[in-house]
Protein backbone atom coordinates (compact mmCIF):
# COMPACT_ATOMS: atom_id res chain seq x y z
CA MET A 1 67.98 142.58 76.72
CA ILE A 2 66.96 138.89 76.78
CA HIS A 3 68.00 138.55 73.22
CA ALA A 4 71.39 140.01 74.00
CA LEU A 5 71.95 137.53 76.93
CA ALA A 6 70.86 134.58 74.83
CA ALA A 7 73.44 135.51 72.19
CA ASP A 8 76.29 135.89 74.73
CA ARG A 9 78.46 132.74 74.65
CA ARG A 10 81.34 134.02 76.84
CA ALA A 11 80.62 131.78 79.77
CA ALA A 12 79.73 128.61 77.70
CA VAL A 13 83.28 127.23 77.90
CA ALA A 14 83.47 127.74 81.62
CA VAL A 15 80.18 125.89 82.21
CA GLU A 16 81.15 123.02 79.89
CA SER A 17 84.54 122.74 81.54
CA ALA A 18 82.93 122.58 85.01
CA LEU A 19 80.45 119.95 83.90
CA THR A 20 83.26 117.85 82.22
CA PHE A 21 85.44 118.14 85.27
CA SER A 22 82.69 117.25 87.82
CA LEU A 23 81.10 114.40 85.87
CA ILE A 24 84.07 112.82 84.11
CA LEU A 25 87.50 113.90 85.42
CA LEU A 26 86.75 114.06 89.09
CA PRO A 27 85.58 110.44 89.29
CA LEU A 28 88.57 109.36 87.24
CA PHE A 29 90.91 111.12 89.74
CA LEU A 30 89.20 109.63 92.73
CA GLY A 31 89.34 106.18 91.19
CA ALA A 32 92.99 106.63 90.42
CA ALA A 33 93.63 107.55 94.06
CA ASP A 34 91.95 104.31 95.21
CA ALA A 35 93.94 102.38 92.61
CA ALA A 36 97.21 103.96 93.72
CA VAL A 37 96.57 103.02 97.40
CA LEU A 38 95.69 99.42 96.40
CA LEU A 39 98.79 99.04 94.30
CA ALA A 40 101.09 100.48 96.93
CA VAL A 41 99.84 98.00 99.53
CA GLN A 42 99.98 95.05 97.03
CA PHE A 43 103.64 95.89 96.34
CA ARG A 44 104.40 96.03 100.09
CA LEU A 45 102.67 92.63 100.56
CA GLU A 46 104.77 91.17 97.74
CA GLU A 47 107.95 92.63 99.31
CA ALA A 48 106.89 91.02 102.69
CA VAL A 49 106.64 87.59 101.01
CA HIS A 50 109.93 88.15 99.13
CA ASN A 51 111.68 89.06 102.43
CA ALA A 52 110.23 86.04 104.35
CA LEU A 53 111.17 83.57 101.58
CA PHE A 54 114.75 84.90 101.43
CA TYR A 55 114.98 84.62 105.17
CA ALA A 56 113.78 81.02 105.07
CA TYR A 57 115.98 80.11 102.10
CA ALA A 58 119.14 81.35 103.94
CA SER A 59 119.41 78.30 106.22
CA ALA A 60 117.62 75.16 107.28
CA ALA A 61 117.14 76.59 110.77
CA ASN A 62 115.51 79.67 109.35
CA ALA A 63 113.16 77.62 107.11
CA THR A 64 111.77 75.85 110.20
CA SER A 65 111.29 78.99 112.33
CA PRO A 66 107.69 80.29 111.83
CA SER A 67 108.32 83.27 114.17
CA GLY A 68 111.45 84.25 112.25
CA ILE A 69 109.56 83.97 108.92
CA GLU A 70 106.83 86.13 110.37
CA ASN A 71 109.34 88.71 111.64
CA ALA A 72 111.08 88.83 108.22
CA ALA A 73 107.69 89.40 106.51
CA THR A 74 106.82 92.13 108.89
CA GLU A 75 110.20 93.74 108.33
CA GLY A 76 109.74 93.58 104.57
CA TYR A 77 106.20 95.02 104.78
CA GLY A 78 107.11 97.95 107.05
CA SER A 79 104.98 99.60 109.78
CA ASP A 80 102.91 102.08 107.66
CA GLY A 81 99.33 101.52 106.49
CA PRO A 82 97.00 98.61 107.07
CA ALA A 83 97.97 95.90 109.54
CA LEU A 84 99.80 92.87 108.07
CA THR A 85 98.56 89.38 108.75
CA VAL A 86 101.04 86.59 108.22
CA ALA A 87 99.48 83.09 107.90
CA THR A 88 101.32 80.22 109.59
CA PRO A 89 103.87 78.95 107.05
CA SER A 90 102.93 75.65 105.52
CA TYR A 91 105.26 72.86 104.46
CA ALA A 92 104.89 70.23 101.82
CA TYR A 93 107.24 67.21 101.45
CA TYR A 94 107.69 65.22 98.24
CA CYS A 95 110.12 62.46 97.18
CA ILE A 96 111.99 63.59 94.10
CA GLU A 97 114.57 62.09 91.72
CA PRO A 98 118.20 63.19 92.33
CA ASP A 99 118.13 65.43 89.35
CA GLY A 100 114.56 66.49 89.76
CA THR A 101 113.29 69.87 90.97
CA GLU A 102 109.54 69.42 90.66
CA ALA A 103 107.22 67.97 93.29
CA THR A 104 105.72 64.94 91.53
CA GLY A 105 103.76 62.05 92.98
CA THR A 106 101.94 62.14 96.30
CA GLU A 107 102.71 64.50 99.21
CA GLU A 108 104.46 62.88 102.16
CA ASN A 109 103.17 63.24 105.72
CA SER A 110 106.18 64.73 107.40
CA SER A 111 109.79 65.69 107.14
CA SER A 112 110.83 62.24 108.44
CA ALA A 113 109.12 60.33 105.66
CA SER A 114 111.22 57.70 103.85
CA CYS A 115 111.52 57.80 100.07
CA PRO A 116 112.05 55.01 97.58
CA SER A 117 115.57 54.13 96.72
CA GLY A 118 117.30 56.77 94.58
CA GLN A 119 114.93 59.55 95.63
CA SER A 120 115.41 62.25 98.26
CA LEU A 121 112.89 64.10 100.35
CA ALA A 122 112.46 67.77 99.37
CA THR A 123 110.59 70.43 101.43
CA TRP A 124 108.58 73.25 99.96
CA LEU A 125 107.62 76.25 102.13
CA THR A 126 104.59 78.40 101.42
CA VAL A 127 104.27 81.91 102.86
CA THR A 128 101.05 83.86 102.61
CA VAL A 129 100.41 87.41 103.93
CA SER A 130 97.39 89.69 103.78
CA ALA A 131 96.08 93.11 104.70
CA THR A 132 92.72 94.81 104.46
CA VAL A 133 92.96 98.26 102.80
CA SER A 134 90.49 101.13 103.65
CA LEU A 135 90.02 103.07 100.46
CA PRO A 136 90.53 106.86 100.69
CA VAL A 137 87.42 107.54 98.54
CA SER A 138 84.16 105.95 99.55
CA ILE A 139 81.72 105.51 96.69
CA ALA A 140 78.28 104.16 97.51
CA PRO A 141 77.98 100.87 95.41
CA PHE A 142 81.66 99.82 96.10
CA PRO A 143 83.09 98.48 99.35
CA ASP A 144 84.89 100.76 101.74
CA SER A 145 87.72 98.24 102.20
CA VAL A 146 89.39 95.71 100.09
CA PRO A 147 91.18 92.54 101.28
CA LEU A 148 94.53 91.93 99.53
CA SER A 149 96.92 88.98 99.80
CA ALA A 150 100.21 87.71 98.40
CA GLY A 151 101.89 84.36 98.64
CA ALA A 152 104.65 82.25 97.22
CA THR A 153 106.16 78.80 97.51
CA VAL A 154 109.88 77.94 97.41
CA ARG A 155 111.87 74.71 97.85
CA VAL A 156 114.01 75.10 101.01
CA ASN A 157 116.15 72.01 100.84
């Protein structure tokens, strides 16, 4: 009877499949679930920045309205998922040549700075957003949550 059981290979495939699934495929699926959540939130953060910059770029009044920029970012992000944090928009001022588009030289102190003859003062707006994502699958050596952020800079005048 023992010899007959040892020669029986009918359940070998089932055991090998169970081991393969539990040791290899299951961790891959769980990791893919974490990656999917992180990517979804990162895309939403980038959409929030995109929406805020388009709002600011629409008019000079919008570009100088931090609360409007924050509202536009929040609208672009949506209300689902982890809480959105919008950093206070920052502005940088540079004197540029009439045909120039790049910020060169030293940064000016304010929007009322005077530029050398032939140059004009240009303003760059930087918007940064962030969110902390709680991962759906908690694995011991890895953190339970991951901070994500997105940001961009655009010339607004």
